[in-house]
Amino acid sequence: MIDHRRRLLSRAALAEEGRISVRREPDRAWPGDHSRLCALENDGHLLFLGEETGPGPGGASAAWRITAQGREALGDA
């Protein structure tokens, strides 16, 4: 497993309720981990929970929860 994928899955696995989220930048750009989390979602390792608007113009955050398949992937790697 690629290091950044393992890092994100591990972070989700250790978090309360298995959740991981990222906040959109003030310039409305998502950080690099957003695309990595989307890729993990496409692989079935994360479940997308949705986006929430945040304070300020363009403020938002996106959240995912680790799936059983994601936990298995951590154990196999």
N, C-alpha and C. Protein backbone atom coordinates (compact mmCIF):
# COMPACT_ATOMS: atom_id res chain seq x y z
N MET A 1 0.85 -1.18 0.00
CA MET A 1 0.00 0.00 0.00
C MET A 1 0.90 1.24 0.00
N ILE A 2 0.52 2.23 -0.79
CA ILE A 2 1.27 3.47 -0.88
C ILE A 2 1.20 4.20 0.46
N ASP A 3 2.30 4.83 0.85
CA ASP A 3 2.41 5.45 2.17
C ASP A 3 1.29 6.44 2.49
N HIS A 4 0.94 7.32 1.54
CA HIS A 4 -0.09 8.30 1.86
C HIS A 4 -1.45 7.65 2.04
N ARG A 5 -1.72 6.56 1.33
CA ARG A 5 -2.99 5.84 1.50
C ARG A 5 -3.02 5.18 2.88
N ARG A 6 -1.92 4.58 3.27
CA ARG A 6 -1.83 3.95 4.59
C ARG A 6 -1.96 4.99 5.69
N ARG A 7 -1.32 6.15 5.51
CA ARG A 7 -1.39 7.23 6.49
C ARG A 7 -2.83 7.68 6.69
N LEU A 8 -3.56 7.88 5.61
CA LEU A 8 -4.94 8.35 5.71
C LEU A 8 -5.86 7.29 6.31
N LEU A 9 -5.70 6.05 5.89
CA LEU A 9 -6.52 4.97 6.46
C LEU A 9 -6.22 4.79 7.95
N SER A 10 -4.95 4.87 8.31
CA SER A 10 -4.58 4.73 9.73
C SER A 10 -5.19 5.87 10.55
N ARG A 11 -5.14 7.07 10.00
CA ARG A 11 -5.72 8.23 10.69
C ARG A 11 -7.22 8.04 10.90
N ALA A 12 -7.90 7.53 9.88
CA ALA A 12 -9.34 7.29 10.00
C ALA A 12 -9.61 6.18 11.01
N ALA A 13 -8.82 5.12 10.97
CA ALA A 13 -9.04 3.98 11.86
C ALA A 13 -8.88 4.38 13.33
N LEU A 14 -8.00 5.31 13.61
CA LEU A 14 -7.74 5.73 14.98
C LEU A 14 -8.71 6.82 15.47
N ALA A 15 -9.39 7.45 14.55
CA ALA A 15 -10.27 8.57 14.91
C ALA A 15 -11.60 8.07 15.48
N GLU A 16 -12.24 8.96 16.22
CA GLU A 16 -13.56 8.66 16.77
C GLU A 16 -14.53 8.35 15.63
N GLU A 17 -15.24 7.25 15.76
CA GLU A 17 -16.21 6.78 14.76
C GLU A 17 -15.57 6.48 13.41
N GLY A 18 -14.24 6.39 13.35
CA GLY A 18 -13.57 6.05 12.09
C GLY A 18 -13.67 7.13 11.03
N ARG A 19 -13.87 8.37 11.46
CA ARG A 19 -14.08 9.48 10.53
C ARG A 19 -12.78 10.23 10.24
N ILE A 20 -12.71 10.72 9.01
CA ILE A 20 -11.61 11.59 8.60
C ILE A 20 -12.20 12.69 7.74
N SER A 21 -11.68 13.90 7.91
CA SER A 21 -12.22 15.01 7.12
C SER A 21 -11.10 15.95 6.71
N VAL A 22 -11.37 16.73 5.67
CA VAL A 22 -10.45 17.77 5.21
C VAL A 22 -11.25 19.05 5.02
N ARG A 23 -10.58 20.16 5.20
CA ARG A 23 -11.21 21.48 5.06
C ARG A 23 -10.72 22.13 3.78
N ARG A 24 -11.66 22.73 3.05
CA ARG A 24 -11.31 23.45 1.82
C ARG A 24 -10.57 24.73 2.18
N GLU A 25 -9.59 25.09 1.36
CA GLU A 25 -8.79 26.30 1.55
C GLU A 25 -9.64 27.54 1.28
N PRO A 26 -9.24 28.69 1.83
CA PRO A 26 -9.98 29.93 1.58
C PRO A 26 -10.11 30.28 0.09
N ASP A 27 -9.14 29.83 -0.72
CA ASP A 27 -9.23 30.11 -2.16
C ASP A 27 -10.11 29.09 -2.90
N ARG A 28 -10.85 28.28 -2.12
CA ARG A 28 -11.79 27.27 -2.60
C ARG A 28 -11.12 26.02 -3.19
N ALA A 29 -9.83 25.89 -3.01
CA ALA A 29 -9.13 24.69 -3.47
C ALA A 29 -9.11 23.66 -2.34
N TRP A 30 -9.24 22.40 -2.72
CA TRP A 30 -9.13 21.32 -1.74
C TRP A 30 -7.67 20.96 -1.56
N PRO A 31 -7.26 20.56 -0.35
CA PRO A 31 -5.87 20.11 -0.15
C PRO A 31 -5.64 18.79 -0.90
N GLY A 32 -4.38 18.44 -1.08
CA GLY A 32 -4.03 17.23 -1.82
C GLY A 32 -4.66 15.97 -1.27
N ASP A 33 -4.86 15.91 0.05
CA ASP A 33 -5.44 14.70 0.64
C ASP A 33 -6.88 14.47 0.18
N HIS A 34 -7.56 15.50 -0.29
CA HIS A 34 -8.95 15.33 -0.75
C HIS A 34 -9.00 14.33 -1.90
N SER A 35 -8.12 14.48 -2.88
CA SER A 35 -8.13 13.55 -4.02
C SER A 35 -7.70 12.15 -3.58
N ARG A 36 -6.81 12.06 -2.62
CA ARG A 36 -6.39 10.75 -2.10
C ARG A 36 -7.54 10.06 -1.37
N LEU A 37 -8.31 10.85 -0.61
CA LEU A 37 -9.46 10.29 0.09
C LEU A 37 -10.53 9.85 -0.90
N CYS A 38 -10.70 10.61 -1.97
CA CYS A 38 -11.66 10.21 -3.03
C CYS A 38 -11.23 8.90 -3.67
N ALA A 39 -9.93 8.73 -3.89
CA ALA A 39 -9.42 7.48 -4.46
C ALA A 39 -9.67 6.31 -3.51
N LEU A 40 -9.47 6.52 -2.21
CA LEU A 40 -9.75 5.47 -1.23
C LEU A 40 -11.24 5.15 -1.20
N GLU A 41 -12.07 6.16 -1.41
CA GLU A 41 -13.52 5.93 -1.50
C GLU A 41 -13.83 5.07 -2.72
N ASN A 42 -13.22 5.39 -3.85
CA ASN A 42 -13.47 4.62 -5.07
C ASN A 42 -13.05 3.16 -4.92
N ASP A 43 -12.04 2.92 -4.10
CA ASP A 43 -11.56 1.55 -3.86
C ASP A 43 -12.41 0.81 -2.82
N GLY A 44 -13.36 1.52 -2.20
CA GLY A 44 -14.21 0.90 -1.19
C GLY A 44 -13.64 0.92 0.22
N HIS A 45 -12.51 1.62 0.40
CA HIS A 45 -11.89 1.68 1.72
C HIS A 45 -12.50 2.74 2.62
N LEU A 46 -13.14 3.74 2.01
CA LEU A 46 -13.82 4.79 2.75
C LEU A 46 -15.23 4.98 2.21
N LEU A 47 -16.11 5.47 3.06
CA LEU A 47 -17.48 5.81 2.67
C LEU A 47 -17.62 7.32 2.80
N PHE A 48 -18.03 7.98 1.71
CA PHE A 48 -18.18 9.44 1.73
C PHE A 48 -19.42 9.80 2.54
N LEU A 49 -19.25 10.69 3.52
CA LEU A 49 -20.35 11.11 4.38
C LEU A 49 -20.97 12.42 3.93
N GLY A 50 -20.24 13.19 3.13
CA GLY A 50 -20.78 14.43 2.60
C GLY A 50 -19.92 15.63 2.90
N GLU A 51 -20.42 16.78 2.45
CA GLU A 51 -19.75 18.05 2.67
C GLU A 51 -20.61 18.93 3.56
N GLU A 52 -19.95 19.75 4.34
CA GLU A 52 -20.64 20.73 5.19
C GLU A 52 -20.05 22.09 4.89
N THR A 53 -20.91 23.09 4.84
CA THR A 53 -20.40 24.44 4.65
C THR A 53 -19.77 24.92 5.94
N GLY A 54 -18.78 25.76 5.78
CA GLY A 54 -18.07 26.27 6.94
C GLY A 54 -18.13 27.78 7.00
N PRO A 55 -17.46 28.34 7.98
CA PRO A 55 -17.47 29.79 8.11
C PRO A 55 -16.71 30.47 6.97
N GLY A 56 -17.14 31.61 6.61
CA GLY A 56 -16.46 32.38 5.58
C GLY A 56 -16.87 31.97 4.19
N PRO A 57 -16.61 32.82 3.23
CA PRO A 57 -16.97 32.51 1.83
C PRO A 57 -16.15 31.33 1.31
N GLY A 58 -16.84 30.39 0.74
CA GLY A 58 -16.17 29.21 0.17
C GLY A 58 -15.74 28.18 1.19
N GLY A 59 -16.00 28.42 2.46
CA GLY A 59 -15.59 27.49 3.50
C GLY A 59 -16.40 26.21 3.45
N ALA A 60 -15.74 25.10 3.50
CA ALA A 60 -16.42 23.80 3.50
C ALA A 60 -15.47 22.73 4.01
N SER A 61 -16.04 21.62 4.44
CA SER A 61 -15.24 20.46 4.79
C SER A 61 -15.94 19.23 4.23
N ALA A 62 -15.17 18.21 3.95
CA ALA A 62 -15.68 16.94 3.44
C ALA A 62 -15.26 15.84 4.41
N ALA A 63 -16.15 14.86 4.61
CA ALA A 63 -15.86 13.81 5.59
C ALA A 63 -16.12 12.43 5.01
N TRP A 64 -15.33 11.46 5.48
CA TRP A 64 -15.45 10.06 5.11
C TRP A 64 -15.36 9.21 6.38
N ARG A 65 -15.81 7.96 6.28
CA ARG A 65 -15.67 7.00 7.37
C ARG A 65 -15.02 5.74 6.79
N ILE A 66 -14.11 5.16 7.55
CA ILE A 66 -13.42 3.96 7.10
C ILE A 66 -14.41 2.79 7.07
N THR A 67 -14.29 1.94 6.08
CA THR A 67 -15.16 0.77 5.93
C THR A 67 -14.43 -0.48 6.45
N ALA A 68 -15.16 -1.56 6.54
CA ALA A 68 -14.55 -2.83 6.94
C ALA A 68 -13.44 -3.21 5.96
N GLN A 69 -13.67 -2.96 4.69
CA GLN A 69 -12.67 -3.25 3.67
C GLN A 69 -11.40 -2.40 3.90
N GLY A 70 -11.57 -1.16 4.32
CA GLY A 70 -10.43 -0.30 4.62
C GLY A 70 -9.65 -0.82 5.81
N ARG A 71 -10.35 -1.29 6.82
CA ARG A 71 -9.67 -1.85 8.00
C ARG A 71 -8.91 -3.13 7.64
N GLU A 72 -9.50 -3.94 6.77
CA GLU A 72 -8.82 -5.15 6.30
C GLU A 72 -7.56 -4.81 5.52
N ALA A 73 -7.64 -3.77 4.68
CA ALA A 73 -6.48 -3.36 3.89
C ALA A 73 -5.34 -2.93 4.81
N LEU A 74 -5.64 -2.29 5.91
CA LEU A 74 -4.60 -1.90 6.86
C LEU A 74 -3.94 -3.13 7.48
N GLY A 75 -4.75 -4.12 7.77
CA GLY A 75 -4.22 -5.35 8.38
C GLY A 75 -3.37 -6.17 7.43
N ASP A 76 -3.68 -6.10 6.13
CA ASP A 76 -2.95 -6.87 5.13
C ASP A 76 -1.62 -6.26 4.75
N ALA A 77 -1.51 -4.95 4.91
CA ALA A 77 -0.31 -4.26 4.43
C ALA A 77 0.85 -4.37 5.40
